[in-house]
């Protein structure tokens, strides 16, 4: 498994940024005729985390998800860090090239080296 970081350009400062989960979503319910005390804490998956970047980055996150899904998948490691996962280095290189051609430098990747 080959992993890499996905870098967007911040819409305000135009520097490279990547989303990071600080706290999982806390979901509760509202009932019409009773009080519901139940709450669940749920982490985001990779696609959900990237979709939440809409308006904060210079590209449409849905289009980034479409491109990444052709070569691999988005994942959130340790419920915190967004990564791209692909099977082969060739797929990672093709993804880098396609991101460059599609988004003209507004989205790029960085290989995560195993320690």
Protein backbone atom coordinates (compact mmCIF):
# COMPACT_ATOMS: atom_id res chain seq x y z
CA UNK A 1 0.00 0.00 0.00
CA UNK A 2 1.37 3.39 -1.06
CA UNK A 3 0.23 6.41 0.94
CA UNK A 4 0.49 10.13 0.32
CA UNK A 5 -0.75 13.43 1.68
CA UNK A 6 -3.17 15.49 -0.37
CA UNK A 7 -2.44 19.23 -0.45
CA UNK A 8 -4.95 21.88 -1.54
CA UNK A 9 -4.39 25.63 -1.90
CA UNK A 10 -6.04 27.74 0.77
CA UNK A 11 -8.58 30.11 -0.80
CA UNK A 12 -7.52 32.96 1.49
CA UNK A 13 -3.74 32.63 1.76
CA UNK A 14 -2.96 30.44 -1.30
CA UNK A 15 -0.55 28.26 0.63
CA UNK A 16 -0.71 24.43 0.76
CA UNK A 17 -3.20 23.07 3.32
CA UNK A 18 -4.67 19.67 4.13
CA UNK A 19 -7.71 18.98 6.32
CA UNK A 20 -7.18 17.34 9.69
CA UNK A 21 -9.83 16.04 12.07
CA UNK A 22 -9.51 17.82 15.40
CA UNK A 23 -12.63 16.33 16.94
CA UNK A 24 -15.03 13.69 15.54
CA UNK A 25 -18.59 14.70 14.75
CA UNK A 26 -21.02 14.49 17.66
CA UNK A 27 -24.43 13.41 16.42
CA UNK A 28 -27.63 13.49 18.45
CA UNK A 29 -31.35 13.25 17.78
CA UNK A 30 -34.35 15.46 18.27
CA UNK A 31 -37.67 13.74 18.82
CA UNK A 32 -41.06 15.34 18.37
CA UNK A 33 -42.76 13.77 21.41
CA UNK A 34 -39.96 12.78 23.76
CA UNK A 35 -36.47 13.65 24.90
CA UNK A 36 -33.65 11.64 23.34
CA UNK A 37 -30.47 11.54 25.41
CA UNK A 38 -28.48 9.42 22.97
CA UNK A 39 -25.43 10.89 21.24
CA UNK A 40 -22.82 9.18 19.14
CA UNK A 41 -19.36 10.32 18.19
CA UNK A 42 -18.40 9.43 14.64
CA UNK A 43 -15.25 10.08 12.68
CA UNK A 44 -15.31 11.27 9.08
CA UNK A 45 -14.24 9.09 6.18
CA UNK A 46 -11.85 10.53 3.59
CA UNK A 47 -14.50 11.67 1.10
CA UNK A 48 -16.58 13.38 3.82
CA UNK A 49 -13.55 15.24 5.13
CA UNK A 50 -12.55 16.49 1.67
CA UNK A 51 -16.14 17.56 0.86
CA UNK A 52 -16.12 19.79 3.94
CA UNK A 53 -13.26 21.79 2.39
CA UNK A 54 -15.67 23.38 -0.14
CA UNK A 55 -15.22 27.14 -0.09
CA UNK A 56 -12.02 26.94 1.96
CA UNK A 57 -9.83 25.78 -0.93
CA UNK A 58 -9.38 27.00 -4.51
CA UNK A 59 -10.87 23.91 -6.23
CA UNK A 60 -14.12 21.95 -6.09
CA UNK A 61 -13.51 19.13 -3.59
CA UNK A 62 -15.99 16.84 -5.39
CA UNK A 63 -13.83 16.96 -8.52
CA UNK A 64 -10.75 16.07 -6.48
CA UNK A 65 -12.60 13.07 -5.03
CA UNK A 66 -13.52 11.96 -8.56
CA UNK A 67 -9.90 12.14 -9.74
CA UNK A 68 -8.48 10.36 -6.67
CA UNK A 69 -11.06 7.56 -6.88
CA UNK A 70 -9.79 6.62 -10.37
CA UNK A 71 -6.41 5.67 -8.93
CA UNK A 72 -7.00 4.89 -5.25
CA UNK A 73 -9.01 6.11 -2.31
CA UNK A 74 -9.09 8.75 0.39
CA UNK A 75 -8.76 7.54 3.95
CA UNK A 76 -8.47 9.07 7.42
CA UNK A 77 -5.70 7.48 9.48
CA UNK A 78 -6.13 7.29 13.25
CA UNK A 79 -9.42 9.22 12.89
CA UNK A 80 -7.31 12.31 12.25
CA UNK A 81 -5.02 12.48 9.19
CA UNK A 82 -6.23 12.56 5.57
CA UNK A 83 -4.23 10.32 3.21
CA UNK A 84 -4.46 8.94 -0.30
CA UNK A 85 -3.99 5.17 -0.59
CA UNK A 86 -3.05 3.45 -3.86
CA UNK A 87 -1.88 -0.08 -4.64
CA UNK A 88 1.21 0.66 -6.75
CA UNK A 89 3.72 3.46 -7.13
CA UNK A 90 2.69 3.67 -10.79
CA UNK A 91 -0.86 4.59 -9.67
CA UNK A 92 0.53 7.27 -7.35
CA UNK A 93 2.57 8.78 -10.18
CA UNK A 94 -0.43 8.72 -12.56
CA UNK A 95 -2.53 10.40 -9.87
CA UNK A 96 0.09 13.14 -9.40
CA UNK A 97 0.17 13.79 -13.15
CA UNK A 98 -3.62 13.85 -13.48
CA UNK A 99 -4.00 16.21 -10.49
CA UNK A 100 -1.42 18.55 -12.04
CA UNK A 101 -3.12 18.51 -15.44
CA UNK A 102 -6.64 18.85 -14.03
CA UNK A 103 -6.06 21.45 -11.31
CA UNK A 104 -2.96 23.23 -12.65
CA UNK A 105 -0.97 23.10 -9.42
CA UNK A 106 -3.86 23.90 -7.08
CA UNK A 107 -3.84 20.32 -5.71
CA UNK A 108 -0.83 18.08 -5.27
CA UNK A 109 0.39 15.05 -3.38
CA UNK A 110 3.34 14.19 -1.21
CA UNK A 111 4.54 10.63 -0.81
CA UNK A 112 4.58 9.37 2.79
CA UNK A 113 7.74 7.33 3.29
CA UNK A 114 7.52 4.33 5.59
CA UNK A 115 9.79 4.45 8.60
